[in-house]
Protein backbone atom coordinates (compact mmCIF):
# COMPACT_ATOMS: atom_id res chain seq x y z
CA MET A 1 -14.33 -23.78 -3.65
CA GLY A 2 -14.06 -19.92 -2.67
CA ALA A 3 -13.91 -18.68 0.59
CA ASP A 4 -14.75 -15.25 2.22
CA LEU A 5 -11.84 -12.65 2.57
CA LEU A 6 -11.66 -10.98 5.91
CA LEU A 7 -8.83 -8.46 6.91
CA PRO A 8 -6.27 -10.63 8.74
CA PRO A 9 -4.19 -9.94 12.31
CA VAL A 10 -1.05 -9.75 9.99
CA ALA A 11 0.48 -9.75 6.78
CA GLY A 12 -1.73 -11.95 4.60
CA VAL A 13 -4.87 -12.79 4.30
CA ALA A 14 -7.62 -13.88 6.50
CA LEU A 15 -10.82 -16.23 5.33
CA VAL A 16 -13.93 -18.35 6.16
CA SER A 17 -13.43 -21.59 4.74
CA THR A 18 -16.35 -23.16 2.48
CA ALA A 19 -17.29 -25.96 1.58
CA GLY A 20 -14.76 -28.03 -0.74
CA ASP A 21 -11.95 -26.17 0.59
CA THR A 22 -8.36 -28.07 1.27
CA LEU A 23 -5.15 -26.52 2.90
CA THR A 24 -3.51 -27.64 -0.56
CA ASN A 25 -6.12 -25.31 -2.96
CA LEU A 26 -5.96 -22.24 -0.48
CA ALA A 27 -2.32 -22.45 0.04
CA ASN A 28 -1.91 -22.37 -4.00
CA ARG A 29 -4.84 -19.98 -4.20
CA PHE A 30 -2.87 -17.55 -2.02
CA HIS A 31 0.78 -18.36 -3.21
CA VAL A 32 2.27 -19.92 -0.34
CA ASP A 33 3.16 -23.03 1.42
CA ALA A 34 0.35 -25.40 2.72
CA ALA A 35 2.70 -25.92 6.05
CA SER A 36 2.66 -22.62 6.95
CA VAL A 37 -1.12 -22.17 6.92
CA VAL A 38 -0.96 -25.35 8.88
CA ASP A 39 1.54 -24.23 11.59
CA PHE A 40 -0.09 -20.65 12.54
CA ASN A 41 -3.45 -21.77 13.00
CA ARG A 42 -2.53 -24.74 14.60
CA LEU A 43 -4.16 -27.01 12.16
CA ARG A 44 -4.89 -31.17 12.76
CA TYR A 45 -6.18 -31.71 9.04
CA GLY A 46 -4.20 -33.28 6.55
CA ALA A 47 -3.40 -31.02 3.28
CA ASP A 48 -6.03 -32.86 1.15
CA ASP A 49 -8.40 -33.34 3.75
CA PRO A 50 -11.47 -31.05 2.81
CA LEU A 51 -11.88 -28.09 5.30
CA PRO A 52 -14.93 -27.94 7.42
CA ALA A 53 -17.20 -24.77 6.14
CA GLY A 54 -16.87 -21.79 8.44
CA LEU A 55 -13.22 -22.38 9.45
CA GLU A 56 -11.74 -18.68 10.28
CA LEU A 57 -8.36 -19.03 9.13
CA VAL A 58 -5.38 -16.90 8.24
CA VAL A 59 -3.18 -17.50 5.64
CA PRO A 60 0.50 -15.42 6.55
CA ALA A 61 2.19 -14.02 3.65
CA GLY A 62 -0.28 -14.60 1.43
CA ARG A 63 -1.19 -12.60 -1.39
CA GLY A 64 -4.59 -12.09 -2.45
CA PRO A 65 -6.08 -13.82 -4.97
CA ASP A 66 -5.41 -12.55 -9.07
CA LEU A 67 -9.10 -12.18 -9.51
CA ALA A 68 -8.77 -9.45 -12.82
CA PRO A 69 -5.63 -10.17 -14.28
CA ALA A 70 -7.53 -11.10 -17.96
CA ALA A 71 -9.22 -7.14 -17.46
CA GLN A 72 -5.96 -5.48 -16.65
CA SER A 73 -3.97 -6.67 -19.37
CA SER A 74 -6.52 -6.48 -22.13
CA ARG A 75 -6.49 -2.83 -21.45
CA PRO A 76 -10.02 -1.92 -22.39
CA THR A 77 -10.68 1.53 -23.63
CA ALA A 78 -13.55 3.59 -22.95
CA GLY A 79 -16.94 1.79 -23.42
CA PHE A 80 -15.47 -1.47 -22.24
CA ARG A 81 -18.04 -3.22 -20.38
CA GLY A 82 -16.14 -6.06 -17.87
CA ARG A 83 -18.65 -8.35 -15.45
CA GLY A 84 -20.47 -5.09 -13.25
CA TYR A 85 -18.42 -2.52 -14.65
CA THR A 86 -18.15 0.13 -17.26
CA VAL A 87 -15.04 2.00 -18.13
CA LEU A 88 -15.66 5.67 -18.99
CA GLY A 89 -12.83 7.18 -19.96
CA PRO A 90 -10.53 9.19 -18.94
CA GLY A 91 -9.99 10.58 -15.53
CA PRO A 92 -9.15 13.95 -14.08
CA VAL A 93 -5.44 14.31 -13.64
CA VAL A 94 -4.55 15.96 -10.32
CA PRO A 95 -1.45 17.36 -8.78
CA THR A 96 0.73 15.16 -7.21
CA ALA A 97 0.26 15.80 -3.00
CA ALA A 98 2.80 17.14 -0.48
CA GLY A 99 3.84 13.47 1.24
CA ASN A 100 2.80 11.16 -1.38
CA ARG A 101 5.51 8.41 -0.77
CA PHE A 102 2.97 5.84 -2.91
CA ALA A 103 5.35 4.37 -6.31
CA PHE A 104 4.89 6.52 -8.50
CA GLY A 105 1.85 5.41 -12.00
CA ASN A 106 -0.12 3.28 -9.08
CA CYS A 107 -3.46 3.18 -7.93
CA THR A 108 -2.74 4.13 -3.83
CA TYR A 109 -0.61 7.06 -5.62
CA TYR A 110 -3.24 9.03 -7.29
CA VAL A 111 -5.62 8.15 -4.51
CA TYR A 112 -3.05 9.43 -2.16
CA ASN A 113 -3.66 12.68 -4.38
CA ARG A 114 -6.96 13.02 -4.28
CA ARG A 115 -7.39 12.28 -0.54
CA GLN A 116 -4.34 12.27 2.03
CA ILE A 117 -4.58 9.47 4.57
CA PRO A 118 -2.05 9.11 7.19
CA TRP A 119 -0.82 5.46 6.64
CA GLN A 120 1.17 2.88 3.83
CA GLY A 121 1.42 -0.24 2.60
CA ASP A 122 -0.53 -2.49 -0.34
CA ALA A 123 -3.80 -1.38 -1.11
CA TRP A 124 -5.53 -4.23 0.32
CA ALA A 125 -4.37 -3.02 3.99
CA TRP A 126 -5.27 0.60 3.64
CA TYR A 127 -9.42 -0.65 4.53
CA GLY A 128 -7.74 -2.12 7.63
CA ASN A 129 -5.51 0.57 8.11
CA ALA A 130 -8.32 2.96 7.97
CA GLN A 131 -10.10 1.13 10.84
CA ALA A 132 -7.09 1.02 13.02
CA MET A 133 -6.37 4.59 12.90
CA GLY A 134 -10.33 5.48 13.61
CA PHE A 135 -11.85 6.38 9.83
CA LEU A 136 -15.12 5.48 9.59
CA THR A 137 -15.32 2.51 7.11
CA GLY A 138 -18.33 0.29 5.75
CA ARG A 139 -20.10 -1.28 2.46
CA THR A 140 -22.36 1.74 1.16
CA PRO A 141 -20.03 3.70 -1.69
CA ARG A 142 -20.22 7.97 -0.49
CA PRO A 143 -18.77 10.62 -2.66
CA GLY A 144 -14.94 11.57 -1.39
CA SER A 145 -15.16 7.87 -0.40
CA ILE A 146 -11.88 5.56 -1.25
CA MET A 147 -13.08 2.45 -3.19
CA VAL A 148 -10.97 -0.73 -1.53
CA THR A 149 -11.01 -4.63 -4.18
CA TRP A 150 -9.36 -7.07 -4.25
CA GLU A 151 -9.07 -6.49 -8.09
CA SER A 152 -5.49 -7.62 -8.12
CA GLY A 153 -3.30 -9.53 -5.90
CA TYR A 154 -2.26 -6.58 -4.08
CA GLY A 155 -5.77 -4.76 -4.05
CA HIS A 156 -7.00 -1.87 -5.33
CA VAL A 157 -8.23 1.67 -4.99
CA ALA A 158 -9.76 4.08 -5.79
CA TYR A 159 -11.48 7.80 -5.20
CA VAL A 160 -14.95 7.72 -5.55
CA GLU A 161 -16.70 10.65 -7.68
CA SER A 162 -20.26 10.30 -7.81
CA VAL A 163 -23.37 7.65 -6.58
CA ASN A 164 -26.18 7.00 -8.46
CA ALA A 165 -29.66 6.35 -7.25
CA ASP A 166 -29.40 3.33 -8.50
CA GLY A 167 -26.75 2.07 -6.32
CA SER A 168 -24.04 2.40 -8.64
CA TRP A 169 -20.31 4.76 -8.51
CA VAL A 170 -18.31 6.05 -10.56
CA VAL A 171 -14.67 6.13 -9.50
CA ALA A 172 -11.88 8.16 -10.79
CA GLU A 173 -8.90 5.66 -10.25
CA MET A 174 -4.68 4.79 -11.76
CA ASN A 175 -3.44 1.97 -12.78
CA TRP A 176 -6.23 -0.18 -13.64
CA VAL A 177 -6.92 0.39 -17.17
CA ALA A 178 -2.57 0.48 -17.25
CA PHE A 179 -0.22 2.00 -15.62
CA ASP A 180 0.03 5.63 -14.67
CA THR A 181 -3.16 6.50 -17.20
CA VAL A 182 -6.27 7.57 -14.75
CA ASP A 183 -9.98 6.08 -15.76
CA ARG A 184 -13.20 6.30 -14.54
CA ARG A 185 -14.61 3.22 -14.16
CA LEU A 186 -19.04 2.88 -13.50
CA ILE A 187 -19.69 0.66 -11.20
CA GLN A 188 -22.55 -2.18 -10.55
CA PRO A 189 -23.47 -2.99 -6.71
CA GLY A 190 -21.80 -6.48 -6.77
CA GLY A 191 -19.80 -5.72 -9.63
CA VAL A 192 -16.11 -5.89 -8.06
CA PRO A 193 -14.81 -8.13 -5.33
CA LEU A 194 -15.42 -5.47 -2.56
CA ILE A 195 -13.72 -4.99 0.72
CA GLY A 196 -14.92 -1.80 1.68
CA PHE A 197 -15.16 2.07 1.36
CA ILE A 198 -13.20 4.29 3.45
CA TYR A 199 -15.21 7.56 4.79
């Protein structure tokens, strides 16, 4: 029971249904009422009917799944190995960039200080915002790019510092280990719920 996440055309979550999905479990997963999914998508399925695989849906006002609360609440320290990543230790603290309107101590605040971008919004929305403004995006890390993931209900962004020959990459980020804390992580391909990279 799962779904591939895409970028939504409205505030919320867009996805493609997979075998075993129902309107009820999708609504529960994304913290909305099933009726809102039915109404927005003009569906004629019952709340507990199995949906056909491959159905493109929008969950209006949905929040992304809480994919890593355990990792965040455990406050891993240097050397901590998660599934697909390793916390390397503290990351570089950088000065606050002029015009930073993101909330202090969050991932978006830190990444803006590394790379001033012209949009606002939660971390998960950065990828779509970048595309809408003509920024290049993709699925391959590059030094200086912005990584966008679903590592919380609001998404997560980090600054890519380097890419290794084996395809792994190192990010600097804030509010992943703990609020207002900057760390570095080594991430393996497939090791995080990746939305993409902004170049």
